Structure formats: structure tokens, C-alpha cells
């Protein structure tokens, strides 16, 4: 074996060790921006669509979430190629799986609540799902900023749920409580991820 081949083999072993030990997590923060945009869009549009048609609103939500996963997958593939990684790392697979399961749960709860004419708590469902996903990110990557984001989302979700017990018509899209819950959702699942992405991009 030539010196060049030996060197390439050593590099390959080092790369494999890093990836296999799950100690490396390349990430394109533009994916976080795309999720923020999707969050803002769904917050503003989905309640009105699902109020008219549960099926159409659920499909719209599912399509937008799928767009988010496709964009993230494409950006992840590109950043992995920069590090000569052919497949996802263990951390990437775990986080993607966590968000995937959370999304399926969110879609099921969205359809169920909308079918019952309960629209406002849907905001709480998605803030909670996103918060739990970010909590897993913060834990796996040991990044306090994601953990903080998660607690803000989960806290906002619990606030909406608690207040829902004292409110009247949870399907009224003209109530002050609806606009309050919508504003919280817009800020936490929309603006907050974009702000965090910009900060992380600036710091990196």
C-alpha cells in the first residue's frame, strides 16, 4: 500500500470514527429559517382553511411539513457533502425521527380537534410538538439556545392550554383569545427559529 493510500485510509477511519461515535453534527441553519417561514405561514393560514374543511386544512398542514422536511433534507445533504459524509449521522437520524414522529402526532391531533370544532388549542399542539423537538436537539447537541427555545415553546403551549379551560368558544376565529394564541404561535414557531438561526449563523 502506497503512502497516499495509507493516508486516505487513515482519513477515512477518522471520519468514520467521528460519525459513528455520533460526535459530529453538520447543519445548515438556513433549514431553521425555512421552518420558521413555514411556521409563520401555517399560523396565519391553516386555522381559517381547517375551519372551512378539516380535510383540506390537514392536507395543507401535511404538505407544508413535507416541504420543510424536503428542504431540510436537501440542505443537510449539501452540508454533509462538504464534509464528505455520504449518509446521515446518528444525531441527524435521531433528530429527524423525533420531529417526524412529532409531526404525525401533530397532524392527528389537528384533525381530531378541528373535527370537534376546537381550533385554538391546535396552536398549543404545534408549539408543544416543536418545543419537544427542539428540546431533543438541545439535549443531543448540548446547545443551551435550543433548550431555551424549547422551554419558551412548551411554556407558551401550556399557557394556551390552561387559558383554554376558562374560555368559551374555542372555535371562534374572531375572538381576542384566538388572536392571542395566534400571536404566541407566530412568535414562537415562526420568528424565534429565524432569530436563532441568524444568531447562530453570525456566531459560526
N, C-alpha and C. Protein backbone atom coordinates (compact mmCIF):
# COMPACT_ATOMS: atom_id res chain seq x y z
N UNK A 1 0.84 -1.19 0.00
CA UNK A 1 0.00 0.00 0.00
C UNK A 1 0.89 1.26 0.00
N UNK A 2 0.57 2.17 -0.91
CA UNK A 2 1.38 3.38 -1.02
C UNK A 2 1.08 4.33 0.14
N UNK A 3 1.96 5.33 0.30
CA UNK A 3 1.78 6.30 1.39
C UNK A 3 0.48 7.08 1.20
N UNK A 4 0.17 7.37 -0.07
CA UNK A 4 -1.05 8.12 -0.35
C UNK A 4 -2.29 7.31 0.04
N UNK A 5 -2.29 6.03 -0.31
CA UNK A 5 -3.41 5.17 0.03
C UNK A 5 -3.54 5.01 1.55
N UNK A 6 -2.39 4.91 2.22
CA UNK A 6 -2.40 4.80 3.68
C UNK A 6 -3.00 6.05 4.32
N UNK A 7 -2.58 7.20 3.81
CA UNK A 7 -3.09 8.46 4.34
C UNK A 7 -4.60 8.57 4.13
N UNK A 8 -5.07 8.18 2.93
CA UNK A 8 -6.50 8.22 2.65
C UNK A 8 -7.28 7.26 3.54
N UNK A 9 -6.70 6.11 3.81
CA UNK A 9 -7.36 5.14 4.67
C UNK A 9 -7.47 5.68 6.09
N UNK A 10 -6.39 6.33 6.57
CA UNK A 10 -6.43 6.92 7.91
C UNK A 10 -7.49 8.02 8.01
N UNK A 11 -7.55 8.84 6.97
CA UNK A 11 -8.56 9.90 6.96
C UNK A 11 -9.97 9.31 6.98
N UNK A 12 -10.16 8.25 6.22
CA UNK A 12 -11.46 7.59 6.17
C UNK A 12 -11.82 7.00 7.53
N UNK A 13 -10.84 6.41 8.20
CA UNK A 13 -11.09 5.83 9.52
C UNK A 13 -11.43 6.90 10.55
N UNK A 14 -10.73 8.04 10.47
CA UNK A 14 -11.01 9.14 11.39
C UNK A 14 -12.42 9.68 11.16
N UNK A 15 -12.76 9.87 9.88
CA UNK A 15 -14.09 10.37 9.55
C UNK A 15 -15.17 9.41 10.03
N UNK A 16 -14.97 8.12 9.81
CA UNK A 16 -15.94 7.12 10.23
C UNK A 16 -16.08 7.08 11.75
N UNK A 17 -14.96 7.24 12.43
CA UNK A 17 -14.99 7.22 13.90
C UNK A 17 -15.80 8.39 14.43
N UNK A 18 -15.60 9.57 13.83
CA UNK A 18 -16.34 10.74 14.27
C UNK A 18 -17.83 10.56 14.05
N UNK A 19 -18.20 10.08 12.87
CA UNK A 19 -19.61 9.92 12.53
C UNK A 19 -20.23 8.81 13.35
N UNK A 20 -19.54 7.66 13.45
CA UNK A 20 -20.10 6.51 14.15
C UNK A 20 -20.25 6.77 15.64
N UNK A 21 -19.36 7.58 16.21
CA UNK A 21 -19.45 7.88 17.63
C UNK A 21 -20.54 8.92 17.89
N UNK A 22 -21.15 9.36 16.81
CA UNK A 22 -22.23 10.32 16.96
C UNK A 22 -21.75 11.62 17.60
N UNK A 23 -20.50 12.01 17.28
CA UNK A 23 -19.92 13.20 17.90
C UNK A 23 -19.81 14.36 16.92
N UNK A 24 -20.51 14.24 15.80
CA UNK A 24 -20.37 15.26 14.77
C UNK A 24 -21.75 15.57 14.21
N UNK A 25 -22.08 16.85 14.09
CA UNK A 25 -23.41 17.22 13.60
C UNK A 25 -23.32 18.43 12.68
N UNK A 26 -23.02 18.19 11.40
CA UNK A 26 -23.04 19.32 10.45
C UNK A 26 -24.48 19.76 10.22
N UNK A 27 -24.70 21.07 10.16
CA UNK A 27 -26.07 21.58 10.00
C UNK A 27 -26.05 22.91 9.26
N UNK A 28 -27.00 23.07 8.36
CA UNK A 28 -27.18 24.31 7.63
C UNK A 28 -28.32 25.07 8.31
N UNK A 29 -28.02 26.20 8.92
CA UNK A 29 -29.02 26.92 9.69
C UNK A 29 -30.10 27.56 8.82
N UNK A 30 -29.92 27.54 7.51
CA UNK A 30 -30.99 28.00 6.62
C UNK A 30 -32.21 27.10 6.73
N UNK A 31 -31.99 25.84 7.13
CA UNK A 31 -33.11 24.93 7.33
C UNK A 31 -34.00 25.44 8.47
N UNK A 32 -33.38 25.99 9.50
CA UNK A 32 -34.13 26.55 10.63
C UNK A 32 -34.94 27.76 10.17
N UNK A 33 -34.37 28.54 9.26
CA UNK A 33 -35.10 29.68 8.70
C UNK A 33 -36.32 29.20 7.92
N UNK A 34 -36.14 28.14 7.13
CA UNK A 34 -37.26 27.62 6.34
C UNK A 34 -38.38 27.13 7.25
N UNK A 35 -38.02 26.49 8.38
CA UNK A 35 -39.05 26.04 9.31
C UNK A 35 -39.77 27.22 9.94
N UNK A 36 -39.04 28.30 10.20
CA UNK A 36 -39.67 29.50 10.75
C UNK A 36 -40.68 30.10 9.78
N UNK A 37 -40.32 30.14 8.50
CA UNK A 37 -41.23 30.68 7.47
C UNK A 37 -42.48 29.80 7.37
N UNK A 38 -42.27 28.49 7.39
CA UNK A 38 -43.41 27.56 7.33
C UNK A 38 -44.29 27.74 8.56
N UNK A 39 -43.66 27.91 9.72
CA UNK A 39 -44.42 28.12 10.94
C UNK A 39 -45.28 29.37 10.88
N UNK A 40 -44.72 30.46 10.35
CA UNK A 40 -45.48 31.70 10.23
C UNK A 40 -46.64 31.54 9.25
N UNK A 41 -46.37 30.88 8.12
CA UNK A 41 -47.41 30.68 7.11
C UNK A 41 -48.57 29.86 7.66
N UNK A 42 -48.25 28.73 8.29
CA UNK A 42 -49.31 27.88 8.83
C UNK A 42 -50.07 28.56 9.95
N UNK A 43 -49.38 29.33 10.78
CA UNK A 43 -50.04 30.05 11.86
C UNK A 43 -51.09 31.02 11.32
N UNK A 44 -50.77 31.68 10.22
CA UNK A 44 -51.67 32.69 9.67
C UNK A 44 -52.78 32.11 8.80
N UNK A 45 -52.51 30.98 8.13
CA UNK A 45 -53.44 30.47 7.11
C UNK A 45 -54.22 29.24 7.56
N UNK A 46 -53.54 28.29 8.19
CA UNK A 46 -54.14 26.99 8.47
C UNK A 46 -55.45 27.06 9.27
N UNK A 47 -55.56 27.89 10.33
CA UNK A 47 -56.81 27.89 11.10
C UNK A 47 -58.04 28.20 10.26
N UNK A 48 -57.91 29.12 9.32
CA UNK A 48 -59.05 29.51 8.50
C UNK A 48 -59.41 28.44 7.48
N UNK A 49 -58.38 27.78 6.94
CA UNK A 49 -58.63 26.69 5.98
C UNK A 49 -59.27 25.51 6.69
N UNK A 50 -58.74 25.14 7.85
CA UNK A 50 -59.24 23.96 8.55
C UNK A 50 -60.62 24.21 9.16
N UNK A 51 -60.95 25.47 9.41
CA UNK A 51 -62.29 25.82 9.89
C UNK A 51 -63.32 25.52 8.82
N UNK A 52 -62.96 25.77 7.56
CA UNK A 52 -63.87 25.51 6.44
C UNK A 52 -63.90 24.04 6.07
N UNK A 53 -62.74 23.39 6.12
CA UNK A 53 -62.66 21.98 5.74
C UNK A 53 -61.54 21.30 6.52
N UNK A 54 -61.91 20.34 7.35
CA UNK A 54 -60.91 19.63 8.15
C UNK A 54 -59.92 18.91 7.25
N UNK A 55 -60.44 18.29 6.20
CA UNK A 55 -59.57 17.54 5.28
C UNK A 55 -58.58 18.45 4.59
N UNK A 56 -59.07 19.56 4.03
CA UNK A 56 -58.19 20.48 3.31
C UNK A 56 -57.16 21.11 4.24
N UNK A 57 -57.57 21.48 5.45
CA UNK A 57 -56.64 22.07 6.39
C UNK A 57 -55.56 21.10 6.83
N UNK A 58 -55.95 19.85 7.04
CA UNK A 58 -54.97 18.83 7.43
C UNK A 58 -54.01 18.54 6.29
N UNK A 59 -54.54 18.48 5.08
CA UNK A 59 -53.68 18.23 3.91
C UNK A 59 -52.71 19.39 3.71
N UNK A 60 -53.20 20.63 3.85
CA UNK A 60 -52.33 21.80 3.73
C UNK A 60 -51.19 21.73 4.74
N UNK A 61 -51.53 21.41 5.98
CA UNK A 61 -50.51 21.31 7.02
C UNK A 61 -49.50 20.22 6.70
N UNK A 62 -50.01 19.06 6.24
CA UNK A 62 -49.13 17.93 5.90
C UNK A 62 -48.20 18.30 4.75
N UNK A 63 -48.71 19.00 3.75
CA UNK A 63 -47.89 19.39 2.60
C UNK A 63 -46.79 20.35 3.03
N UNK A 64 -47.14 21.34 3.84
CA UNK A 64 -46.14 22.31 4.28
C UNK A 64 -45.07 21.66 5.16
N UNK A 65 -45.47 20.71 5.99
CA UNK A 65 -44.48 20.00 6.81
C UNK A 65 -43.58 19.15 5.92
N UNK A 66 -44.16 18.53 4.90
CA UNK A 66 -43.37 17.74 3.96
C UNK A 66 -42.37 18.63 3.23
N UNK A 67 -42.80 19.83 2.83
CA UNK A 67 -41.89 20.78 2.19
C UNK A 67 -40.73 21.10 3.12
N UNK A 68 -41.04 21.29 4.41
CA UNK A 68 -39.99 21.57 5.38
C UNK A 68 -38.97 20.44 5.49
N UNK A 69 -39.47 19.20 5.54
CA UNK A 69 -38.57 18.05 5.63
C UNK A 69 -37.73 17.89 4.36
N UNK A 70 -38.34 18.16 3.20
CA UNK A 70 -37.60 18.05 1.93
C UNK A 70 -36.49 19.11 1.87
N UNK A 71 -36.83 20.35 2.25
CA UNK A 71 -35.83 21.43 2.24
C UNK A 71 -34.70 21.10 3.22
N UNK A 72 -35.06 20.65 4.41
CA UNK A 72 -34.03 20.31 5.40
C UNK A 72 -33.18 19.15 4.91
N UNK A 73 -33.81 18.15 4.29
CA UNK A 73 -33.06 17.02 3.77
C UNK A 73 -32.07 17.44 2.69
N UNK A 74 -32.52 18.33 1.81
CA UNK A 74 -31.65 18.83 0.73
C UNK A 74 -30.47 19.61 1.30
N UNK A 75 -30.75 20.50 2.25
CA UNK A 75 -29.68 21.30 2.85
C UNK A 75 -28.72 20.44 3.67
N UNK A 76 -29.27 19.43 4.35
CA UNK A 76 -28.43 18.51 5.12
C UNK A 76 -27.51 17.71 4.20
N UNK A 77 -28.06 17.26 3.08
CA UNK A 77 -27.26 16.51 2.12
C UNK A 77 -26.11 17.37 1.60
N UNK A 78 -26.39 18.63 1.31
CA UNK A 78 -25.36 19.53 0.79
C UNK A 78 -24.26 19.77 1.81
N UNK A 79 -24.65 20.02 3.07
CA UNK A 79 -23.63 20.29 4.08
C UNK A 79 -22.85 19.02 4.42
N UNK A 80 -23.51 17.86 4.35
CA UNK A 80 -22.79 16.60 4.57
C UNK A 80 -21.76 16.36 3.48
N UNK A 81 -22.11 16.72 2.25
CA UNK A 81 -21.17 16.57 1.13
C UNK A 81 -19.92 17.41 1.34
N UNK A 82 -20.08 18.56 1.99
CA UNK A 82 -18.93 19.41 2.28
C UNK A 82 -17.93 18.71 3.20
N UNK A 83 -18.45 17.80 4.03
CA UNK A 83 -17.59 17.04 4.95
C UNK A 83 -17.35 15.61 4.45
N UNK A 84 -17.73 15.37 3.19
CA UNK A 84 -17.53 14.06 2.57
C UNK A 84 -18.23 12.95 3.37
N UNK A 85 -19.44 13.27 3.84
CA UNK A 85 -20.26 12.29 4.55
C UNK A 85 -21.36 11.82 3.60
N UNK A 86 -21.40 10.53 3.33
CA UNK A 86 -22.33 10.01 2.33
C UNK A 86 -23.73 9.79 2.90
N UNK A 87 -23.85 9.47 4.18
CA UNK A 87 -25.14 9.23 4.78
C UNK A 87 -25.32 10.15 5.99
N UNK A 88 -26.53 10.16 6.54
CA UNK A 88 -26.79 10.98 7.72
C UNK A 88 -26.03 10.44 8.93
N UNK A 89 -25.66 11.34 9.82
CA UNK A 89 -25.05 10.91 11.07
C UNK A 89 -26.14 10.38 12.00
N UNK A 90 -25.73 9.74 13.07
CA UNK A 90 -26.70 9.19 14.02
C UNK A 90 -27.53 10.29 14.65
N UNK A 91 -26.90 11.42 14.95
CA UNK A 91 -27.63 12.54 15.53
C UNK A 91 -28.67 13.06 14.55
N UNK A 92 -28.29 13.19 13.31
CA UNK A 92 -29.23 13.68 12.30
C UNK A 92 -30.42 12.74 12.16
N UNK A 93 -30.16 11.44 12.16
CA UNK A 93 -31.25 10.47 12.05
C UNK A 93 -32.17 10.53 13.26
N UNK A 94 -31.57 10.65 14.46
CA UNK A 94 -32.37 10.69 15.68
C UNK A 94 -33.27 11.93 15.70
N UNK A 95 -32.69 13.09 15.38
CA UNK A 95 -33.46 14.33 15.41
C UNK A 95 -34.54 14.33 14.34
N UNK A 96 -34.22 13.85 13.14
CA UNK A 96 -35.21 13.77 12.07
C UNK A 96 -36.35 12.84 12.46
N UNK A 97 -36.01 11.71 13.08
CA UNK A 97 -37.04 10.76 13.51
C UNK A 97 -37.93 11.36 14.58
N UNK A 98 -37.32 12.09 15.52
CA UNK A 98 -38.09 12.73 16.59
C UNK A 98 -39.09 13.73 16.02
N UNK A 99 -38.62 14.57 15.11
CA UNK A 99 -39.52 15.55 14.50
C UNK A 99 -40.57 14.88 13.61
N UNK A 100 -40.18 13.79 12.95
CA UNK A 100 -41.13 13.07 12.10
C UNK A 100 -42.28 12.49 12.91
N UNK A 101 -41.96 11.84 14.03
CA UNK A 101 -42.99 11.27 14.90
C UNK A 101 -43.86 12.38 15.48
N UNK A 102 -43.21 13.47 15.91
CA UNK A 102 -43.96 14.60 16.44
C UNK A 102 -44.92 15.19 15.42
N UNK A 103 -44.47 15.25 14.17
CA UNK A 103 -45.32 15.79 13.10
C UNK A 103 -46.55 14.92 12.87
N UNK A 104 -46.36 13.61 12.86
CA UNK A 104 -47.51 12.70 12.70
C UNK A 104 -48.51 12.87 13.84
N UNK A 105 -47.99 13.01 15.07
CA UNK A 105 -48.86 13.24 16.22
C UNK A 105 -49.59 14.57 16.07
N UNK A 106 -48.87 15.61 15.65
CA UNK A 106 -49.47 16.93 15.47
C UNK A 106 -50.57 16.92 14.43
N UNK A 107 -50.34 16.22 13.33
CA UNK A 107 -51.36 16.13 12.27
C UNK A 107 -52.61 15.41 12.77
N UNK A 108 -52.41 14.32 13.51
CA UNK A 108 -53.55 13.56 14.03
C UNK A 108 -54.36 14.41 15.02
N UNK A 109 -53.68 15.12 15.91
CA UNK A 109 -54.36 15.96 16.89
C UNK A 109 -55.04 17.15 16.21
N UNK A 110 -54.40 17.69 15.18
CA UNK A 110 -55.00 18.79 14.43
C UNK A 110 -56.33 18.38 13.82
N UNK A 111 -56.34 17.23 13.16
CA UNK A 111 -57.57 16.74 12.52
C UNK A 111 -58.64 16.44 13.57
N UNK A 112 -58.23 15.83 14.69
CA UNK A 112 -59.18 15.47 15.73
C UNK A 112 -59.82 16.70 16.36
N UNK A 113 -59.00 17.69 16.71
CA UNK A 113 -59.53 18.90 17.33
C UNK A 113 -60.41 19.69 16.37
N UNK A 114 -59.96 19.77 15.11
CA UNK A 114 -60.74 20.51 14.12
C UNK A 114 -62.08 19.83 13.87
N UNK A 115 -62.08 18.50 13.87
CA UNK A 115 -63.33 17.75 13.67
C UNK A 115 -64.32 18.05 14.79
N UNK A 116 -63.78 18.30 15.97
CA UNK A 116 -64.64 18.63 17.12
C UNK A 116 -64.97 20.12 17.19
N UNK A 117 -64.48 20.90 16.22
CA UNK A 117 -64.75 22.32 16.19
C UNK A 117 -63.89 23.12 17.13
N UNK A 118 -62.80 22.53 17.62
CA UNK A 118 -61.90 23.19 18.56
C UNK A 118 -60.63 23.59 17.79
N UNK A 119 -60.50 24.85 17.50
CA UNK A 119 -59.41 25.32 16.64
C UNK A 119 -58.25 25.91 17.43
N UNK A 120 -58.54 26.73 18.42
CA UNK A 120 -57.49 27.48 19.11
C UNK A 120 -56.43 26.58 19.76
N UNK A 121 -56.81 25.48 20.44
CA UNK A 121 -55.78 24.61 21.03
C UNK A 121 -54.85 23.95 20.02
N UNK A 122 -55.19 24.01 18.74
CA UNK A 122 -54.28 23.47 17.72
C UNK A 122 -52.94 24.21 17.76
N UNK A 123 -52.99 25.51 18.06
CA UNK A 123 -51.75 26.28 18.22
C UNK A 123 -50.89 25.67 19.32
N UNK A 124 -51.53 25.30 20.43
CA UNK A 124 -50.81 24.72 21.56
C UNK A 124 -50.17 23.38 21.17
N UNK A 125 -50.90 22.59 20.38
CA UNK A 125 -50.37 21.29 19.94
C UNK A 125 -49.06 21.47 19.18
N UNK A 126 -49.06 22.40 18.22
CA UNK A 126 -47.87 22.55 17.39
C UNK A 126 -46.73 23.24 18.12
N UNK A 127 -47.05 24.17 19.04
CA UNK A 127 -45.98 24.76 19.85
C UNK A 127 -45.33 23.70 20.73
N UNK A 128 -46.17 22.78 21.27
CA UNK A 128 -45.65 21.72 22.11
C UNK A 128 -44.80 20.73 21.31
N UNK A 129 -45.30 20.34 20.13
CA UNK A 129 -44.56 19.40 19.27
C UNK A 129 -43.21 19.98 18.87
N UNK A 130 -43.21 21.24 18.43
CA UNK A 130 -41.94 21.88 18.04
C UNK A 130 -41.03 22.05 19.25
N UNK A 131 -41.62 22.37 20.39
CA UNK A 131 -40.82 22.53 21.60
C UNK A 131 -40.15 21.24 22.02
N UNK A 132 -40.87 20.12 21.96
CA UNK A 132 -40.27 18.84 22.33
C UNK A 132 -39.17 18.45 21.33
N UNK A 133 -39.39 18.77 20.06
CA UNK A 133 -38.35 18.50 19.06
C UNK A 133 -37.09 19.31 19.34
N UNK A 134 -37.27 20.59 19.66
CA UNK A 134 -36.12 21.43 19.97
C UNK A 134 -35.45 21.02 21.27
N UNK A 135 -36.24 20.50 22.20
CA UNK A 135 -35.66 20.00 23.45
C UNK A 135 -34.71 18.84 23.18
N UNK A 136 -35.11 17.96 22.26
CA UNK A 136 -34.24 16.84 21.89
C UNK A 136 -32.98 17.34 21.20
N UNK A 137 -33.12 18.38 20.37
CA UNK A 137 -31.95 18.97 19.71
C UNK A 137 -31.00 19.55 20.74
N UNK A 138 -31.56 20.32 21.68
CA UNK A 138 -30.73 20.92 22.71
C UNK A 138 -30.01 19.90 23.56
N UNK A 139 -30.69 18.79 23.84
CA UNK A 139 -30.08 17.74 24.66
C UNK A 139 -29.00 16.98 23.89
N UNK A 140 -29.33 16.59 22.67
CA UNK A 140 -28.38 15.80 21.87
C UNK A 140 -27.13 16.61 21.53
N UNK A 141 -27.33 17.88 21.17
CA UNK A 141 -26.20 18.71 20.74
C UNK A 141 -25.59 19.50 21.89
N UNK A 142 -26.23 19.44 23.06
CA UNK A 142 -25.76 20.20 24.22
C UNK A 142 -25.66 21.70 23.89
N UNK A 143 -26.74 22.21 23.26
CA UNK A 143 -26.80 23.62 22.89
C UNK A 143 -27.92 24.29 23.68
N UNK A 144 -27.53 25.17 24.61
CA UNK A 144 -28.50 25.78 25.51
C UNK A 144 -29.53 26.63 24.78
N UNK A 145 -29.14 27.19 23.63
CA UNK A 145 -30.06 28.08 22.92
C UNK A 145 -31.28 27.31 22.40
N UNK A 146 -31.08 26.05 22.00
CA UNK A 146 -32.20 25.23 21.55
C UNK A 146 -33.06 24.79 22.73
N UNK A 147 -32.41 24.52 23.86
CA UNK A 147 -33.16 24.16 25.06
C UNK A 147 -34.01 25.33 25.53
N UNK A 148 -33.45 26.54 25.47
CA UNK A 148 -34.20 27.74 25.85
C UNK A 148 -35.39 27.93 24.91
N UNK A 149 -35.15 27.77 23.61
CA UNK A 149 -36.23 27.88 22.63
C UNK A 149 -37.33 26.86 22.93
N UNK A 150 -36.92 25.65 23.28
CA UNK A 150 -37.88 24.59 23.58
C UNK A 150 -38.76 24.96 24.78
N UNK A 151 -38.13 25.48 25.84
CA UNK A 151 -38.90 25.83 27.04
C UNK A 151 -39.85 26.99 26.76
N UNK A 152 -39.45 27.91 25.91
CA UNK A 152 -40.34 29.03 25.54
C UNK A 152 -41.56 28.49 24.80
N UNK A 153 -41.33 27.58 23.85
CA UNK A 153 -42.44 26.99 23.08
C UNK A 153 -43.36 26.17 23.96
N UNK A 154 -42.77 25.32 24.81
CA UNK A 154 -43.58 24.47 25.68
C UNK A 154 -44.34 25.33 26.69
N UNK A 155 -43.70 26.37 27.22
CA UNK A 155 -44.37 27.26 28.15
C UNK A 155 -45.55 27.97 27.50
N UNK A 156 -45.34 28.45 26.26
CA UNK A 156 -46.43 29.12 25.53
C UNK A 156 -47.57 28.14 25.26
N UNK A 157 -47.21 26.91 24.93
CA UNK A 157 -48.22 25.88 24.68
C UNK A 157 -49.07 25.62 25.92
N UNK A 158 -48.41 25.45 27.06
CA UNK A 158 -49.13 25.18 28.30
C UNK A 158 -50.00 26.37 28.70
N UNK A 159 -49.52 27.59 28.44
CA UNK A 159 -50.31 28.78 28.76
C UNK A 159 -51.61 28.79 27.97
N UNK A 160 -51.51 28.49 26.66
CA UNK A 160 -52.71 28.46 25.82
C UNK A 160 -53.67 27.36 26.28
N UNK A 161 -53.13 26.20 26.63
CA UNK A 161 -53.97 25.10 27.09
C UNK A 161 -54.68 25.44 28.40
N UNK A 162 -53.95 26.03 29.34
CA UNK A 162 -54.55 26.38 30.63
C UNK A 162 -55.65 27.43 30.45
N UNK A 163 -55.36 28.46 29.65
CA UNK A 163 -56.37 29.50 29.42
C UNK A 163 -57.58 28.96 28.68
N UNK A 164 -57.37 27.91 27.87
CA UNK A 164 -58.48 27.33 27.10
C UNK A 164 -59.58 26.80 28.01
N UNK A 165 -59.22 26.36 29.22
CA UNK A 165 -60.21 25.84 30.15
C UNK A 165 -61.18 26.92 30.61
N UNK A 166 -60.75 28.18 30.55
CA UNK A 166 -61.56 29.27 31.06
C UNK A 166 -62.23 30.08 29.94
N UNK A 167 -61.97 29.69 28.71
CA UNK A 167 -62.55 30.41 27.57
C UNK A 167 -63.81 29.72 27.07
N UNK A 168 -64.57 30.44 26.30
CA UNK A 168 -65.82 29.90 25.78
C UNK A 168 -65.64 29.11 24.51
N UNK A 169 -66.01 29.71 23.40
CA UNK A 169 -65.99 29.05 22.10
C UNK A 169 -64.55 28.98 21.56
N UNK A 170 -63.97 27.80 21.62
CA UNK A 170 -62.58 27.64 21.16
C UNK A 170 -62.49 27.48 19.64
N UNK A 171 -63.61 27.60 18.98
CA UNK A 171 -63.61 27.56 17.53
C UNK A 171 -63.87 28.93 16.92
N UNK A 172 -63.97 29.96 17.75
CA UNK A 172 -64.25 31.32 17.29
C UNK A 172 -62.95 32.00 16.84
N UNK A 173 -62.84 32.23 15.53
CA UNK A 173 -61.63 32.82 14.98
C UNK A 173 -61.65 34.35 15.00
N UNK A 174 -62.67 34.91 15.62
CA UNK A 174 -62.74 36.37 15.75
C UNK A 174 -62.56 36.82 17.19
N UNK A 175 -62.25 35.89 18.07
CA UNK A 175 -62.13 36.24 19.49
C UNK A 175 -60.74 36.78 19.80
N UNK A 176 -60.67 37.52 20.91
CA UNK A 176 -59.38 38.06 21.36
C UNK A 176 -58.43 36.92 21.73
N UNK A 177 -58.98 35.83 22.28
CA UNK A 177 -58.15 34.70 22.67
C UNK A 177 -57.52 34.02 21.45
N UNK A 178 -58.27 33.97 20.35
CA UNK A 178 -57.71 33.41 19.12
C UNK A 178 -56.49 34.20 18.67
N UNK A 179 -56.63 35.53 18.65
CA UNK A 179 -55.52 36.37 18.20
C UNK A 179 -54.33 36.30 19.16
N UNK A 180 -54.62 36.11 20.44
CA UNK A 180 -53.56 35.95 21.43
C UNK A 180 -52.77 34.66 21.16
N UNK A 181 -53.51 33.56 20.97
CA UNK A 181 -52.86 32.27 20.71
C UNK A 181 -52.13 32.28 19.38
N UNK A 182 -52.72 32.92 18.39
CA UNK A 182 -52.09 33.02 17.08
C UNK A 182 -50.81 33.83 17.16
N UNK A 183 -50.84 34.91 17.92
CA UNK A 183 -49.65 35.74 18.08
C UNK A 183 -48.53 34.99 18.77
N UNK A 184 -48.87 34.21 19.83
CA UNK A 184 -47.86 33.41 20.51
C UNK A 184 -47.25 32.39 19.56
N UNK A 185 -48.10 31.75 18.77
CA UNK A 185 -47.61 30.75 17.82
C UNK A 185 -46.72 31.39 16.76
N UNK A 186 -47.14 32.53 16.25
CA UNK A 186 -46.36 33.24 15.23
C UNK A 186 -44.97 33.59 15.76
N UNK A 187 -44.93 34.03 17.03
CA UNK A 187 -43.66 34.43 17.62
C UNK A 187 -42.76 33.24 17.92
N UNK A 188 -43.34 32.15 18.46
CA UNK A 188 -42.52 31.04 18.93
C UNK A 188 -42.11 30.05 17.84
N UNK A 189 -43.05 29.69 16.96
CA UNK A 189 -42.69 28.71 15.91
C UNK A 189 -42.31 29.39 14.61
N UNK A 190 -42.47 30.72 14.55
CA UNK A 190 -42.12 31.44 13.33
C UNK A 190 -40.89 32.33 13.50
N UNK A 191 -41.07 33.41 14.28
CA UNK A 191 -39.99 34.39 14.42
C UNK A 191 -38.79 33.86 15.20
N UNK A 192 -39.06 33.14 16.30
CA UNK A 192 -37.98 32.69 17.18
C UNK A 192 -36.95 31.80 16.46
N UNK A 193 -37.37 30.78 15.71
CA UNK A 193 -36.37 29.97 14.99
C UNK A 193 -35.52 30.78 14.01
N UNK A 194 -36.15 31.76 13.35
CA UNK A 194 -35.41 32.59 12.40
C UNK A 194 -34.38 33.44 13.13
N UNK A 195 -34.77 34.00 14.25
CA UNK A 195 -33.84 34.82 15.04
C UNK A 195 -32.66 33.98 15.55
N UNK A 196 -32.96 32.78 16.00
CA UNK A 196 -31.90 31.89 16.50
C UNK A 196 -30.97 31.47 15.37
N UNK A 197 -31.56 31.17 14.21
CA UNK A 197 -30.73 30.80 13.05
C UNK A 197 -29.78 31.92 12.67
N UNK A 198 -30.27 33.14 12.66
CA UNK A 198 -29.44 34.29 12.30
C UNK A 198 -28.31 34.48 13.32
N UNK A 199 -28.64 34.27 14.60
CA UNK A 199 -27.61 34.42 15.63
C UNK A 199 -26.53 33.34 15.48
N UNK A 200 -26.96 32.10 15.24
CA UNK A 200 -26.01 31.02 15.10
C UNK A 200 -25.14 31.18 13.84
N UNK A 201 -25.76 31.68 12.76
CA UNK A 201 -25.01 31.95 11.53
C UNK A 201 -23.96 33.03 11.76
N UNK A 202 -24.35 34.04 12.53
CA UNK A 202 -23.43 35.14 12.82
C UNK A 202 -22.28 34.68 13.69
N UNK A 203 -22.58 33.79 14.65
CA UNK A 203 -21.55 33.33 15.58
C UNK A 203 -20.62 32.28 14.98
N UNK A 204 -21.09 31.58 13.94
CA UNK A 204 -20.27 30.49 13.37
C UNK A 204 -19.25 31.03 12.38
